[in-house]
Structures are given as structure tokens and as C-alpha cells.
Amino acid sequence: MIKVIIIDDEPLARLIVREYLEAYPEFELLQECADGFEGLKAIQHRQPDLVFLDIQMPELDGFGVVESVGVDRMPPTLFVTAYDQYALKAFEIHAMDYLLKPFD
């Protein structure tokens, strides 16, 4: 079982990722988080195997979450964002993948 956390400030974006994951029984959704601070706590306490992480969020953005956890301690991360200009930075901090919204 692959334990997953979704961190995105947009409810619709979280819903879409959740619906995609429901098609694959090997994924277990541990928690959905609406901001970076909630996501940071969830990563630290729930210890997921995989994180779907938005970049642009108020207060603590996706890169701030990774920095707070620590690049070496961050679980494999798929960035899910509407902004392509952050792709290089995401891969520099070892992103597993970079999904550009909207996606299907």
C-alpha cells in the first residue's frame, strides 16, 4: 500500500487528484491538506510514501514545505501546479514529477 497526502489550497484540485487515486487500490489517501502548514504537520506525523504538492499557496508555499521538512527527509513528491516556471526548481530539489494543471 502506498500512503499518500495531497496538499493543495484549491478544493477542486484536491478532488481531481483524489478521484484519480481512487481508481488505483494500491494507493491509500492518508490526508488532504488545504495549506502548507497543515501539509507540513501531516507529513511529519503521518509519514506518507508519496506527496502531491501544490507550489503556490498562501503563507507557506510548496517549496517552503519541502524546505521545512528537509530535502533529504521529504517523501517522493509530485508537484501539481498551474505554473510551469517552477519546474526547474522542483527538479533541483528532487521532485519525482511535475504535473501542470489542468491535467487529465
N, C-alpha and C. Protein backbone atom coordinates (compact mmCIF):
# COMPACT_ATOMS: atom_id res chain seq x y z
N MET A 1 0.84 -1.18 0.00
CA MET A 1 0.00 0.00 0.00
C MET A 1 0.89 1.25 0.00
N ILE A 2 0.59 2.19 -0.88
CA ILE A 2 1.33 3.45 -0.98
C ILE A 2 0.51 4.52 -0.28
N LYS A 3 1.04 5.04 0.82
CA LYS A 3 0.33 6.05 1.62
C LYS A 3 0.57 7.44 1.03
N VAL A 4 -0.52 8.18 0.79
CA VAL A 4 -0.47 9.45 0.06
C VAL A 4 -1.07 10.59 0.87
N ILE A 5 -0.46 11.77 0.73
CA ILE A 5 -1.03 13.02 1.22
C ILE A 5 -1.13 13.98 0.05
N ILE A 6 -2.27 14.68 -0.04
CA ILE A 6 -2.48 15.72 -1.06
C ILE A 6 -2.47 17.07 -0.35
N ILE A 7 -1.63 17.99 -0.84
CA ILE A 7 -1.55 19.32 -0.26
C ILE A 7 -1.80 20.34 -1.37
N ASP A 8 -2.95 21.01 -1.29
CA ASP A 8 -3.32 21.99 -2.31
C ASP A 8 -4.38 22.91 -1.71
N ASP A 9 -4.25 24.20 -1.93
CA ASP A 9 -5.23 25.14 -1.37
C ASP A 9 -6.52 25.20 -2.17
N GLU A 10 -6.57 24.57 -3.33
CA GLU A 10 -7.77 24.58 -4.16
C GLU A 10 -8.55 23.28 -3.96
N PRO A 11 -9.78 23.37 -3.42
CA PRO A 11 -10.58 22.16 -3.19
C PRO A 11 -10.81 21.33 -4.46
N LEU A 12 -11.04 21.99 -5.59
CA LEU A 12 -11.26 21.25 -6.83
C LEU A 12 -10.02 20.47 -7.25
N ALA A 13 -8.86 21.05 -7.08
CA ALA A 13 -7.61 20.36 -7.42
C ALA A 13 -7.43 19.12 -6.53
N ARG A 14 -7.72 19.26 -5.25
CA ARG A 14 -7.62 18.10 -4.35
C ARG A 14 -8.61 17.01 -4.77
N LEU A 15 -9.81 17.42 -5.13
CA LEU A 15 -10.83 16.47 -5.56
C LEU A 15 -10.38 15.69 -6.79
N ILE A 16 -9.82 16.37 -7.77
CA ILE A 16 -9.38 15.71 -9.00
C ILE A 16 -8.29 14.69 -8.70
N VAL A 17 -7.30 15.05 -7.91
CA VAL A 17 -6.23 14.10 -7.56
C VAL A 17 -6.83 12.92 -6.79
N ARG A 18 -7.69 13.22 -5.84
CA ARG A 18 -8.32 12.14 -5.05
C ARG A 18 -9.10 11.18 -5.96
N GLU A 19 -9.85 11.72 -6.90
CA GLU A 19 -10.63 10.87 -7.80
C GLU A 19 -9.72 9.99 -8.68
N TYR A 20 -8.62 10.53 -9.13
CA TYR A 20 -7.67 9.72 -9.90
C TYR A 20 -7.10 8.59 -9.04
N LEU A 21 -6.75 8.91 -7.82
CA LEU A 21 -6.17 7.90 -6.93
C LEU A 21 -7.15 6.79 -6.59
N GLU A 22 -8.43 7.11 -6.52
CA GLU A 22 -9.44 6.11 -6.18
C GLU A 22 -9.49 4.96 -7.19
N ALA A 23 -9.02 5.19 -8.39
CA ALA A 23 -9.01 4.16 -9.43
C ALA A 23 -7.90 3.13 -9.21
N TYR A 24 -7.00 3.40 -8.28
CA TYR A 24 -5.86 2.52 -8.04
C TYR A 24 -5.86 2.06 -6.58
N PRO A 25 -6.26 0.84 -6.34
CA PRO A 25 -6.39 0.36 -4.95
C PRO A 25 -5.08 0.29 -4.17
N GLU A 26 -3.96 0.37 -4.85
CA GLU A 26 -2.67 0.33 -4.14
C GLU A 26 -2.33 1.65 -3.43
N PHE A 27 -3.13 2.69 -3.70
CA PHE A 27 -2.93 3.97 -3.03
C PHE A 27 -3.91 4.13 -1.87
N GLU A 28 -3.39 4.55 -0.74
CA GLU A 28 -4.22 4.85 0.43
C GLU A 28 -4.07 6.33 0.74
N LEU A 29 -5.15 7.08 0.64
CA LEU A 29 -5.12 8.51 0.93
C LEU A 29 -5.16 8.70 2.44
N LEU A 30 -4.05 9.20 3.00
CA LEU A 30 -3.97 9.44 4.44
C LEU A 30 -4.67 10.72 4.85
N GLN A 31 -4.47 11.77 4.02
CA GLN A 31 -4.99 13.08 4.41
C GLN A 31 -4.95 14.03 3.22
N GLU A 32 -5.91 14.94 3.21
CA GLU A 32 -5.91 16.07 2.29
C GLU A 32 -5.67 17.32 3.12
N CYS A 33 -4.80 18.20 2.63
CA CYS A 33 -4.45 19.41 3.37
C CYS A 33 -4.70 20.63 2.50
N ALA A 34 -5.29 21.66 3.11
CA ALA A 34 -5.69 22.86 2.37
C ALA A 34 -4.64 23.97 2.39
N ASP A 35 -3.53 23.76 3.10
CA ASP A 35 -2.46 24.77 3.10
C ASP A 35 -1.14 24.11 3.47
N GLY A 36 -0.08 24.87 3.29
CA GLY A 36 1.26 24.35 3.53
C GLY A 36 1.53 23.98 4.98
N PHE A 37 1.00 24.75 5.92
CA PHE A 37 1.24 24.44 7.33
C PHE A 37 0.57 23.13 7.74
N GLU A 38 -0.66 22.94 7.28
CA GLU A 38 -1.37 21.69 7.56
C GLU A 38 -0.63 20.53 6.89
N GLY A 39 -0.15 20.75 5.67
CA GLY A 39 0.60 19.72 4.95
C GLY A 39 1.89 19.36 5.65
N LEU A 40 2.60 20.35 6.16
CA LEU A 40 3.84 20.12 6.88
C LEU A 40 3.59 19.22 8.10
N LYS A 41 2.56 19.55 8.87
CA LYS A 41 2.22 18.73 10.05
C LYS A 41 1.86 17.31 9.64
N ALA A 42 1.08 17.18 8.55
CA ALA A 42 0.67 15.86 8.09
C ALA A 42 1.86 15.01 7.67
N ILE A 43 2.80 15.61 6.96
CA ILE A 43 4.00 14.87 6.54
C ILE A 43 4.78 14.41 7.76
N GLN A 44 4.96 15.29 8.72
CA GLN A 44 5.74 14.94 9.91
C GLN A 44 5.06 13.87 10.75
N HIS A 45 3.74 13.90 10.86
CA HIS A 45 3.03 12.97 11.74
C HIS A 45 2.56 11.70 11.05
N ARG A 46 2.20 11.80 9.76
CA ARG A 46 1.61 10.65 9.07
C ARG A 46 2.63 9.84 8.29
N GLN A 47 3.79 10.42 7.99
CA GLN A 47 4.89 9.77 7.26
C GLN A 47 4.42 9.07 5.98
N PRO A 48 3.96 9.86 5.01
CA PRO A 48 3.47 9.28 3.75
C PRO A 48 4.61 8.73 2.90
N ASP A 49 4.23 7.90 1.94
CA ASP A 49 5.18 7.37 0.96
C ASP A 49 5.27 8.28 -0.26
N LEU A 50 4.24 9.12 -0.45
CA LEU A 50 4.14 9.97 -1.63
C LEU A 50 3.32 11.21 -1.29
N VAL A 51 3.74 12.37 -1.83
CA VAL A 51 3.03 13.62 -1.59
C VAL A 51 2.72 14.28 -2.94
N PHE A 52 1.45 14.67 -3.11
CA PHE A 52 1.05 15.52 -4.22
C PHE A 52 1.01 16.93 -3.65
N LEU A 53 1.84 17.83 -4.17
CA LEU A 53 2.07 19.13 -3.54
C LEU A 53 1.92 20.28 -4.52
N ASP A 54 1.02 21.20 -4.21
CA ASP A 54 0.88 22.43 -4.99
C ASP A 54 2.05 23.35 -4.63
N ILE A 55 2.40 24.22 -5.54
CA ILE A 55 3.50 25.16 -5.26
C ILE A 55 2.98 26.47 -4.71
N GLN A 56 2.08 27.12 -5.42
CA GLN A 56 1.62 28.44 -4.98
C GLN A 56 0.44 28.30 -4.03
N MET A 57 0.73 28.51 -2.75
CA MET A 57 -0.28 28.51 -1.70
C MET A 57 0.03 29.69 -0.80
N PRO A 58 -1.00 30.25 -0.16
CA PRO A 58 -0.75 31.39 0.73
C PRO A 58 0.11 30.98 1.93
N GLU A 59 0.85 31.91 2.42
CA GLU A 59 1.72 31.78 3.60
C GLU A 59 2.88 30.81 3.40
N LEU A 60 2.65 29.51 3.46
CA LEU A 60 3.73 28.53 3.26
C LEU A 60 3.50 27.82 1.94
N ASP A 61 4.33 28.12 0.94
CA ASP A 61 4.15 27.50 -0.38
C ASP A 61 4.78 26.11 -0.42
N GLY A 62 4.65 25.46 -1.55
CA GLY A 62 5.16 24.10 -1.68
C GLY A 62 6.65 23.99 -1.44
N PHE A 63 7.42 24.95 -1.94
CA PHE A 63 8.86 24.91 -1.71
C PHE A 63 9.18 25.13 -0.23
N GLY A 64 8.38 25.94 0.44
CA GLY A 64 8.54 26.14 1.88
C GLY A 64 8.28 24.87 2.66
N VAL A 65 7.31 24.09 2.20
CA VAL A 65 7.02 22.80 2.84
C VAL A 65 8.24 21.89 2.72
N VAL A 66 8.77 21.78 1.51
CA VAL A 66 9.95 20.92 1.28
C VAL A 66 11.12 21.40 2.13
N GLU A 67 11.36 22.70 2.16
CA GLU A 67 12.46 23.26 2.96
C GLU A 67 12.26 22.96 4.44
N SER A 68 11.03 23.08 4.93
CA SER A 68 10.75 22.84 6.34
C SER A 68 10.94 21.38 6.73
N VAL A 69 10.54 20.47 5.86
CA VAL A 69 10.73 19.04 6.11
C VAL A 69 12.20 18.69 5.96
N GLY A 70 12.84 19.29 4.95
CA GLY A 70 14.22 18.99 4.60
C GLY A 70 14.23 18.17 3.32
N VAL A 71 15.00 18.59 2.35
CA VAL A 71 15.03 17.92 1.05
C VAL A 71 15.35 16.44 1.22
N ASP A 72 16.27 16.11 2.10
CA ASP A 72 16.68 14.72 2.28
C ASP A 72 15.63 13.88 3.01
N ARG A 73 14.74 14.52 3.76
CA ARG A 73 13.72 13.78 4.51
C ARG A 73 12.35 13.84 3.85
N MET A 74 12.22 14.64 2.80
CA MET A 74 10.93 14.79 2.11
C MET A 74 10.58 13.51 1.37
N PRO A 75 9.35 13.01 1.56
CA PRO A 75 8.94 11.83 0.79
C PRO A 75 8.92 12.15 -0.70
N PRO A 76 8.94 11.14 -1.56
CA PRO A 76 8.82 11.41 -3.00
C PRO A 76 7.63 12.33 -3.25
N THR A 77 7.86 13.35 -4.10
CA THR A 77 6.88 14.42 -4.28
C THR A 77 6.56 14.64 -5.74
N LEU A 78 5.26 14.71 -6.03
CA LEU A 78 4.78 15.11 -7.34
C LEU A 78 4.21 16.51 -7.17
N PHE A 79 4.85 17.48 -7.78
CA PHE A 79 4.32 18.84 -7.73
C PHE A 79 3.15 18.93 -8.70
N VAL A 80 2.07 19.53 -8.24
CA VAL A 80 0.86 19.71 -9.03
C VAL A 80 0.56 21.20 -9.01
N THR A 81 0.79 21.88 -10.13
CA THR A 81 0.70 23.33 -10.14
C THR A 81 0.26 23.86 -11.50
N ALA A 82 -0.22 25.07 -11.52
CA ALA A 82 -0.62 25.71 -12.77
C ALA A 82 0.51 26.54 -13.38
N TYR A 83 1.68 26.52 -12.77
CA TYR A 83 2.77 27.40 -13.19
C TYR A 83 3.97 26.59 -13.65
N ASP A 84 4.30 26.71 -14.93
CA ASP A 84 5.42 25.95 -15.47
C ASP A 84 6.79 26.53 -15.12
N GLN A 85 6.84 27.78 -14.68
CA GLN A 85 8.14 28.41 -14.42
C GLN A 85 8.87 27.84 -13.21
N TYR A 86 8.21 27.01 -12.41
CA TYR A 86 8.85 26.44 -11.23
C TYR A 86 9.40 25.03 -11.47
N ALA A 87 9.25 24.52 -12.67
CA ALA A 87 9.64 23.13 -12.95
C ALA A 87 11.12 22.86 -12.66
N LEU A 88 11.99 23.72 -13.13
CA LEU A 88 13.42 23.50 -12.93
C LEU A 88 13.76 23.46 -11.44
N LYS A 89 13.24 24.41 -10.69
CA LYS A 89 13.49 24.43 -9.25
C LYS A 89 12.96 23.16 -8.58
N ALA A 90 11.80 22.70 -9.03
CA ALA A 90 11.21 21.49 -8.45
C ALA A 90 12.12 20.28 -8.66
N PHE A 91 12.66 20.14 -9.85
CA PHE A 91 13.55 19.01 -10.11
C PHE A 91 14.90 19.17 -9.42
N GLU A 92 15.31 20.40 -9.17
CA GLU A 92 16.55 20.62 -8.43
C GLU A 92 16.44 20.12 -6.99
N ILE A 93 15.22 20.11 -6.46
CA ILE A 93 15.02 19.60 -5.09
C ILE A 93 14.45 18.18 -5.13
N HIS A 94 14.71 17.50 -6.24
CA HIS A 94 14.43 16.07 -6.38
C HIS A 94 12.95 15.72 -6.49
N ALA A 95 12.16 16.55 -7.19
CA ALA A 95 10.76 16.22 -7.44
C ALA A 95 10.69 14.92 -8.22
N MET A 96 9.72 14.11 -7.88
CA MET A 96 9.51 12.86 -8.61
C MET A 96 8.91 13.17 -9.99
N ASP A 97 8.01 14.17 -10.02
CA ASP A 97 7.41 14.60 -11.27
C ASP A 97 6.78 15.98 -11.07
N TYR A 98 6.36 16.57 -12.16
CA TYR A 98 5.81 17.93 -12.15
C TYR A 98 4.59 17.92 -13.07
N LEU A 99 3.40 17.95 -12.48
CA LEU A 99 2.17 17.92 -13.25
C LEU A 99 1.61 19.33 -13.37
N LEU A 100 1.32 19.72 -14.60
CA LEU A 100 0.82 21.06 -14.86
C LEU A 100 -0.70 21.04 -14.95
N LYS A 101 -1.34 21.87 -14.12
CA LYS A 101 -2.81 21.98 -14.14
C LYS A 101 -3.23 22.79 -15.36
N PRO A 102 -4.35 22.54 -15.95
CA PRO A 102 -5.20 21.39 -15.70
C PRO A 102 -4.61 20.15 -16.36
N PHE A 103 -4.85 19.00 -15.78
CA PHE A 103 -4.35 17.75 -16.33
C PHE A 103 -5.47 16.74 -16.38
N ASP A 104 -5.25 15.70 -17.17
CA ASP A 104 -6.24 14.63 -17.24
C ASP A 104 -5.57 13.28 -17.30
